[in-house]
Protein backbone atom coordinates (compact mmCIF):
# COMPACT_ATOMS: atom_id res chain seq x y z
CA UNK A 1 0.00 0.00 0.00
CA UNK A 2 2.80 2.39 0.94
CA UNK A 3 4.52 1.75 -2.41
CA UNK A 4 1.36 2.64 -4.37
CA UNK A 5 0.94 5.86 -2.33
CA UNK A 6 4.53 6.94 -2.98
CA UNK A 7 4.14 6.15 -6.70
CA UNK A 8 0.98 8.25 -6.81
CA UNK A 9 2.73 11.25 -5.25
CA UNK A 10 5.57 11.01 -7.78
CA UNK A 11 3.13 10.84 -10.72
CA UNK A 12 1.20 13.88 -9.44
CA UNK A 13 4.44 15.89 -9.11
CA UNK A 14 5.48 15.02 -12.66
CA UNK A 15 2.08 16.01 -14.02
CA UNK A 16 2.21 19.35 -12.15
CA UNK A 17 5.63 20.20 -13.59
CA UNK A 18 4.47 19.27 -17.06
CA UNK A 19 1.46 21.57 -16.69
CA UNK A 20 3.66 24.49 -15.62
CA UNK A 21 6.06 24.09 -18.53
CA UNK A 22 3.17 23.67 -20.95
CA UNK A 23 1.64 26.97 -19.79
CA UNK A 24 4.83 28.96 -20.29
CA UNK A 25 5.04 30.65 -23.69
CA UNK A 26 6.33 33.71 -25.48
CA UNK A 27 5.15 37.06 -24.16
CA UNK A 28 2.64 38.76 -26.41
CA UNK A 29 2.83 42.36 -27.68
CA UNK A 30 2.25 45.18 -25.21
CA UNK A 31 -1.27 46.48 -25.12
CA UNK A 32 -2.25 50.13 -25.62
CA UNK A 33 -1.60 52.62 -22.83
CA UNK A 34 -4.56 53.28 -20.60
CA UNK A 35 -6.24 56.62 -20.02
CA UNK A 36 -4.42 58.93 -17.54
CA UNK A 37 -5.80 58.98 -14.03
CA UNK A 38 -7.36 61.95 -12.29
CA UNK A 39 -4.79 64.54 -11.08
CA UNK A 40 -4.05 64.51 -7.36
CA UNK A 41 -4.55 67.37 -4.97
CA UNK A 42 -1.95 70.19 -5.16
CA UNK A 43 1.06 69.70 -2.86
CA UNK A 44 1.93 72.07 -0.05
CA UNK A 45 5.29 73.66 0.76
CA UNK A 46 6.99 72.48 3.93
CA UNK A 47 6.10 74.90 6.70
CA UNK A 48 8.68 75.61 9.41
CA UNK A 49 7.10 77.38 12.35
CA UNK A 50 9.12 80.39 13.53
CA UNK A 51 10.26 80.68 17.15
CA UNK A 52 8.27 82.90 19.51
CA UNK A 53 9.39 86.48 20.11
CA UNK A 54 11.75 86.76 23.08
CA UNK A 55 13.85 89.24 25.07
CA UNK A 56 17.53 88.90 25.90
CA UNK A 57 20.42 90.96 27.28
CA UNK A 58 24.00 91.08 25.99
CA UNK A 59 27.35 91.99 27.57
CA UNK A 60 30.84 92.25 26.03
CA UNK A 61 34.09 92.11 28.03
CA UNK A 62 37.64 93.12 27.21
CA UNK A 63 40.66 91.60 28.97
CA UNK A 64 38.71 89.80 31.70
CA UNK A 65 41.38 88.65 34.18
CA UNK A 66 39.28 86.13 36.09
CA UNK A 67 38.41 88.45 38.97
CA UNK A 68 37.44 92.02 37.99
CA UNK A 69 34.23 92.37 36.00
CA UNK A 70 34.45 94.92 33.17
CA UNK A 71 31.78 94.88 30.51
CA UNK A 72 29.52 97.08 28.41
CA UNK A 73 25.94 95.84 28.04
CA UNK A 74 22.43 96.36 26.75
CA UNK A 75 19.32 95.00 28.41
CA UNK A 76 16.09 93.62 26.99
CA UNK A 77 16.64 93.57 23.26
CA UNK A 78 13.68 91.98 21.55
CA UNK A 79 14.03 89.28 18.90
CA UNK A 80 11.07 88.99 16.54
CA UNK A 81 10.77 86.43 13.77
CA UNK A 82 8.39 88.59 11.77
CA UNK A 83 10.48 89.59 8.75
CA UNK A 84 8.10 92.41 7.88
CA UNK A 85 9.63 94.29 10.83
CA UNK A 86 12.67 96.56 10.50
CA UNK A 87 15.83 95.89 12.57
CA UNK A 88 16.73 98.65 15.02
CA UNK A 89 18.93 99.27 18.04
CA UNK A 90 16.46 97.45 20.30
CA UNK A 91 14.94 94.96 17.84
CA UNK A 92 16.59 92.01 16.10
CA UNK A 93 14.70 90.45 13.20
CA UNK A 94 15.29 86.71 12.93
CA UNK A 95 14.78 85.08 9.53
CA UNK A 96 14.42 81.55 8.17
CA UNK A 97 17.30 80.30 6.01
CA UNK A 98 17.34 77.26 3.73
CA UNK A 99 21.10 76.83 4.08
CA UNK A 100 22.70 76.95 7.51
CA UNK A 101 25.51 79.43 8.26
CA UNK A 102 28.97 77.96 8.77
CA UNK A 103 30.01 78.48 12.39
CA UNK A 104 33.67 79.38 11.96
CA UNK A 105 34.01 82.99 13.17
CA UNK A 106 34.36 84.25 9.59
CA UNK A 107 31.56 86.52 8.40
CA UNK A 108 29.75 84.88 5.48
CA UNK A 109 27.68 88.06 5.14
CA UNK A 110 24.55 87.85 2.98
CA UNK A 111 25.57 84.52 1.41
CA UNK A 112 25.25 82.76 4.78
CA UNK A 113 23.10 85.07 6.88
CA UNK A 114 20.88 86.66 4.26
CA UNK A 115 17.43 85.86 2.91
CA UNK A 116 17.49 86.60 -0.80
CA UNK A 117 18.74 90.16 -1.04
CA UNK A 118 17.89 90.97 2.58
CA UNK A 119 20.37 90.92 5.45
CA UNK A 120 18.72 91.66 8.79
CA UNK A 121 21.33 93.23 11.10
CA UNK A 122 20.90 95.37 14.21
CA UNK A 123 23.50 97.72 15.68
CA UNK A 124 23.00 97.46 19.43
CA UNK A 125 24.42 100.31 21.56
CA UNK A 126 26.11 99.05 24.72
CA UNK A 127 25.03 101.78 27.11
CA UNK A 128 25.46 99.95 30.42
CA UNK A 129 28.89 99.94 32.09
CA UNK A 130 29.89 97.61 34.91
CA UNK A 131 33.42 97.95 36.31
CA UNK A 132 35.99 99.92 34.38
CA UNK A 133 34.76 101.20 31.02
CA UNK A 134 36.28 98.96 28.33
CA UNK A 135 35.29 101.32 25.49
CA UNK A 136 33.27 98.76 23.48
CA UNK A 137 30.26 100.91 22.60
CA UNK A 138 28.33 98.79 20.09
CA UNK A 139 27.72 95.21 18.95
CA UNK A 140 26.19 94.29 15.59
CA UNK A 141 23.90 91.26 15.74
CA UNK A 142 21.99 88.90 13.45
CA UNK A 143 19.77 85.89 14.08
CA UNK A 144 18.57 83.19 11.67
CA UNK A 145 17.00 79.78 12.08
CA UNK A 146 16.19 76.60 10.17
CA UNK A 147 14.11 73.53 11.01
CA UNK A 148 16.45 72.36 13.79
CA UNK A 149 18.82 75.14 14.86
CA UNK A 150 18.98 78.82 15.75
CA UNK A 151 22.09 80.86 14.90
CA UNK A 152 23.48 84.13 16.25
CA UNK A 153 26.11 86.50 14.86
CA UNK A 154 27.91 89.18 16.89
CA UNK A 155 30.59 91.63 15.80
CA UNK A 156 32.26 94.33 17.88
CA UNK A 157 35.34 96.54 17.73
CA UNK A 158 37.78 96.95 20.58
CA UNK A 159 39.07 100.36 21.60
CA UNK A 160 42.27 101.33 23.38
CA UNK A 161 41.09 103.33 26.36
CA UNK A 162 42.36 103.70 29.89
CA UNK A 163 43.83 100.36 30.98
CA UNK A 164 42.42 98.50 27.95
CA UNK A 165 44.17 97.97 24.64
CA UNK A 166 43.06 96.60 21.27
CA UNK A 167 44.24 92.99 21.43
CA UNK A 168 43.22 89.35 21.14
CA UNK A 169 43.22 87.87 24.64
CA UNK A 170 43.25 84.07 24.98
CA UNK A 171 45.53 83.21 27.93
CA UNK A 172 43.45 83.54 31.10
CA UNK A 173 45.21 83.02 34.47
CA UNK A 174 48.43 81.65 33.05
CA UNK A 175 51.21 80.59 35.43
CA UNK A 176 54.48 82.54 35.06
CA UNK A 177 57.66 81.66 36.90
CA UNK A 178 59.37 84.51 38.77
CA UNK A 179 62.16 82.38 40.19
CA UNK A 180 65.07 80.28 38.97
CA UNK A 181 65.06 76.50 39.26
CA UNK A 182 61.98 76.00 41.40
CA UNK A 183 58.73 77.60 40.25
CA UNK A 184 57.76 80.86 41.97
CA UNK A 185 54.27 81.43 40.54
CA UNK A 186 52.69 84.64 39.30
CA UNK A 187 49.22 84.49 37.72
CA UNK A 188 48.91 86.58 34.56
CA UNK A 189 46.76 86.87 31.44
CA UNK A 190 43.18 87.56 30.45
CA UNK A 191 40.51 86.66 27.93
CA UNK A 192 37.86 88.40 25.89
CA UNK A 193 34.32 87.32 26.65
CA UNK A 194 30.62 87.78 25.80
CA UNK A 195 27.34 86.93 27.53
CA UNK A 196 23.89 86.31 26.07
CA UNK A 197 21.12 86.13 28.70
CA UNK A 198 17.70 84.92 27.48
CA UNK A 199 14.52 85.62 29.46
CA UNK A 200 12.79 82.24 29.44
CA UNK A 201 9.25 83.34 30.38
CA UNK A 202 7.47 84.09 27.06
CA UNK A 203 4.97 86.36 28.79
CA UNK A 204 7.68 88.69 30.12
CA UNK A 205 7.62 92.28 28.86
CA UNK A 206 10.22 94.61 30.45
CA UNK A 207 9.13 97.76 32.18
CA UNK A 208 11.12 100.98 32.38
CA UNK A 209 12.32 100.08 35.88
CA UNK A 210 13.63 96.63 34.93
CA UNK A 211 17.37 95.97 34.73
CA UNK A 212 19.49 92.82 34.38
CA UNK A 213 23.09 93.32 33.23
CA UNK A 214 23.28 97.10 33.15
CA UNK A 215 23.03 97.56 36.90
CA UNK A 216 24.61 96.27 40.09
CA UNK A 217 21.25 95.13 41.56
CA UNK A 218 18.97 93.51 38.94
CA UNK A 219 15.25 94.25 38.88
CA UNK A 220 12.69 92.17 36.96
CA UNK A 221 8.93 92.26 36.95
CA UNK A 222 8.58 88.54 37.74
CA UNK A 223 10.54 85.57 39.04
CA UNK A 224 12.04 83.44 36.28
CA UNK A 225 14.98 81.38 35.12
CA UNK A 226 17.46 83.03 32.74
CA UNK A 227 19.25 80.95 30.11
CA UNK A 228 22.88 82.14 30.09
CA UNK A 229 25.37 81.55 27.26
CA UNK A 230 28.93 82.36 28.32
CA UNK A 231 31.43 82.60 25.45
CA UNK A 232 35.06 82.83 26.57
CA UNK A 233 37.88 83.39 24.09
CA UNK A 234 40.28 81.22 26.09
CA UNK A 235 38.26 78.69 28.06
CA UNK A 236 35.45 77.72 25.67
CA UNK A 237 36.13 79.08 22.18
CA UNK A 238 39.31 77.10 21.63
CA UNK A 239 37.26 73.91 21.97
CA UNK A 240 34.43 75.20 19.76
CA UNK A 241 31.74 76.01 22.32
CA UNK A 242 30.18 78.56 24.63
CA UNK A 243 29.35 77.45 28.17
CA UNK A 244 25.66 76.89 28.87
CA UNK A 245 24.18 77.68 32.27
CA UNK A 246 21.42 79.55 34.00
CA UNK A 247 20.61 82.16 36.61
CA UNK A 248 17.50 82.38 38.75
CA UNK A 249 15.76 85.64 39.59
CA UNK A 250 13.63 85.07 42.66
CA UNK A 251 12.43 87.36 45.41
CA UNK A 252 14.28 90.39 43.98
CA UNK A 253 17.57 88.45 44.01
CA UNK A 254 19.55 87.20 41.02
CA UNK A 255 21.54 84.04 41.73
CA UNK A 256 25.04 83.54 40.38
CA UNK A 257 25.78 81.56 37.22
CA UNK A 258 25.01 77.85 37.63
CA UNK A 259 26.32 75.55 34.93
CA UNK A 260 23.83 73.20 33.30
CA UNK A 261 24.16 69.43 33.73
CA UNK A 262 27.17 67.76 32.13
CA UNK A 263 30.83 68.67 31.85
CA UNK A 264 32.41 71.96 30.80
CA UNK A 265 35.17 72.76 28.34
CA UNK A 266 37.83 73.62 30.94
CA UNK A 267 39.33 72.67 34.30
CA UNK A 268 41.66 74.70 36.52
CA UNK A 269 45.26 73.49 36.39
CA UNK A 270 46.24 73.99 40.03
CA UNK A 271 47.35 71.94 43.01
CA UNK A 272 48.56 73.48 46.27
CA UNK A 273 49.38 76.86 44.70
CA UNK A 274 51.29 75.45 41.71
CA UNK A 275 50.35 73.92 38.36
CA UNK A 276 49.18 70.32 38.66
CA UNK A 277 50.12 69.54 35.06
CA UNK A 278 52.70 70.74 32.55
CA UNK A 279 53.37 70.09 28.87
CA UNK A 280 55.18 66.82 28.12
CA UNK A 281 58.25 68.78 26.91
CA UNK A 282 58.37 71.12 29.92
CA UNK A 283 60.10 72.73 31.76
CA UNK A 284 60.37 75.93 29.73
CA UNK A 285 58.29 74.82 26.73
CA UNK A 286 55.97 77.84 27.16
CA UNK A 287 53.06 75.90 25.68
CA UNK A 288 49.95 77.76 24.50
CA UNK A 289 46.24 77.26 25.04
CA UNK A 290 44.34 75.00 24.52
CA UNK A 291 46.19 72.65 26.88
CA UNK A 292 44.78 69.17 26.20
CA UNK A 293 45.28 66.24 28.57
CA UNK A 294 47.00 64.21 25.86
CA UNK A 295 49.89 66.70 26.02
CA UNK A 296 50.07 66.79 29.83
CA UNK A 297 52.37 65.15 32.35
CA UNK A 298 52.46 65.70 36.14
CA UNK A 299 54.14 68.97 37.13
CA UNK A 300 57.77 68.73 38.26
CA UNK A 301 59.21 71.68 40.15
CA UNK A 302 62.81 71.65 38.91
CA UNK A 303 64.92 73.34 36.21
CA UNK A 304 62.53 76.20 35.48
CA UNK A 305 63.79 79.39 33.81
CA UNK A 306 62.56 82.83 34.80
CA UNK A 307 59.41 83.94 32.91
CA UNK A 308 58.55 80.43 31.70
CA UNK A 309 54.79 79.88 31.54
CA UNK A 310 52.30 77.05 31.99
CA UNK A 311 48.60 77.33 30.99
CA UNK A 312 46.34 77.86 33.98
CA UNK A 313 43.50 75.72 32.59
CA UNK A 314 43.18 72.32 30.95
CA UNK A 315 40.99 72.00 27.84
CA UNK A 316 38.22 69.38 27.84
CA UNK A 317 35.49 68.38 25.42
CA UNK A 318 32.19 69.44 27.01
CA UNK A 319 29.29 67.01 27.23
CA UNK A 320 25.64 66.94 28.25
CA UNK A 321 23.74 70.21 28.47
CA UNK A 322 26.97 72.20 28.69
CA UNK A 323 27.74 71.18 25.11
CA UNK A 324 24.51 72.65 23.71
CA UNK A 325 25.97 75.87 22.29
CA UNK A 326 28.54 75.59 19.50
CA UNK A 327 30.61 78.73 18.96
CA UNK A 328 33.53 80.13 17.01
CA UNK A 329 35.19 83.52 17.44
CA UNK A 330 37.80 85.19 15.26
CA UNK A 331 39.77 88.36 15.99
CA UNK A 332 41.12 90.45 13.12
CA UNK A 333 42.20 94.10 12.94
CA UNK A 334 40.67 95.04 16.34
CA UNK A 335 37.34 93.35 15.45
CA UNK A 336 35.83 90.24 17.04
CA UNK A 337 33.40 88.14 14.99
CA UNK A 338 31.48 85.58 17.03
CA UNK A 339 29.05 82.99 15.66
CA UNK A 340 26.90 80.64 17.75
CA UNK A 341 24.58 77.71 17.05
CA UNK A 342 22.13 75.77 19.24
CA UNK A 343 19.27 73.32 18.79
CA UNK A 344 15.93 75.11 18.75
CA UNK A 345 14.57 72.58 21.24
CA UNK A 346 17.10 71.01 23.61
CA UNK A 347 14.54 69.28 25.79
CA UNK A 348 16.10 70.86 28.90
CA UNK A 349 14.08 72.82 31.42
CA UNK A 350 17.08 75.12 31.95
CA UNK A 351 17.07 76.31 28.33
CA UNK A 352 14.92 78.66 26.35
CA UNK A 353 13.28 76.80 23.46
CA UNK A 354 13.17 78.58 20.13
């Protein structure tokens, strides 16, 4: 019985194959083209929603030495993303761009920051003075955005006035040896610096009595967190960032700068009143900033020449929320050009969302 069943299965398989081969033939000629279908609905252009209007304050330093504050500032500049408005000394007009600016500290002008033939730029007078007057009286600013990022452009000229000179400063709190042999430290150097302080409450409208950076004792009409971007020519720019932190105004008191979560772009190079680290080819290499850990060896206090220097800070790659703001600054012929970039929405409660 089993043999007959197996034979039957084989015969059925052979017949099936024969049927398939018998059905295969040459392809016939192509038939006529059918009538075109009904046209679809018209497409729509991609719509990128603009950020909400906001207020911010700006401050520009010259030769900040790590201790004495000296900046010129302007409070409560409005940014609108309505391009029918006209830029002015207290209004920045932000525009949508199809191609993102290159963040390199070199002004791409209308090719990178323009919209067609329009370049929206505001000349902001820096009327507030804290500390010694550094002579920086104006900063030119632009703002553009795309689907993911917002971009800022700042340009200012330095002036030689009083104790300040026109110079590029990128060596904050450097160690200098005053002795011979063993290191007798003197802390020298300074850096140029800029702050952007964003008012995070979208309902805030400044009154005539309000003040943030242009006064010793800030006054705001409501309690709120302030998103603070701290660009430093030595400590953050050389790694390609601005530091990201926040301040809290509460009960008529403004708290000090608190860094956001994550790690910053710098670390003090100090242990017991001397450098903790030196360049691998020290003593007397006089290495420049940025001082990366891969070039560092533990400090040895022998065979130092007078006036030899060691950087006062180590350079690190920031991470977490402190790596939100990319930045690049370039100094040329007494003029600083600073460009910054940040995600429109970082997902952090410490940040303003654009």
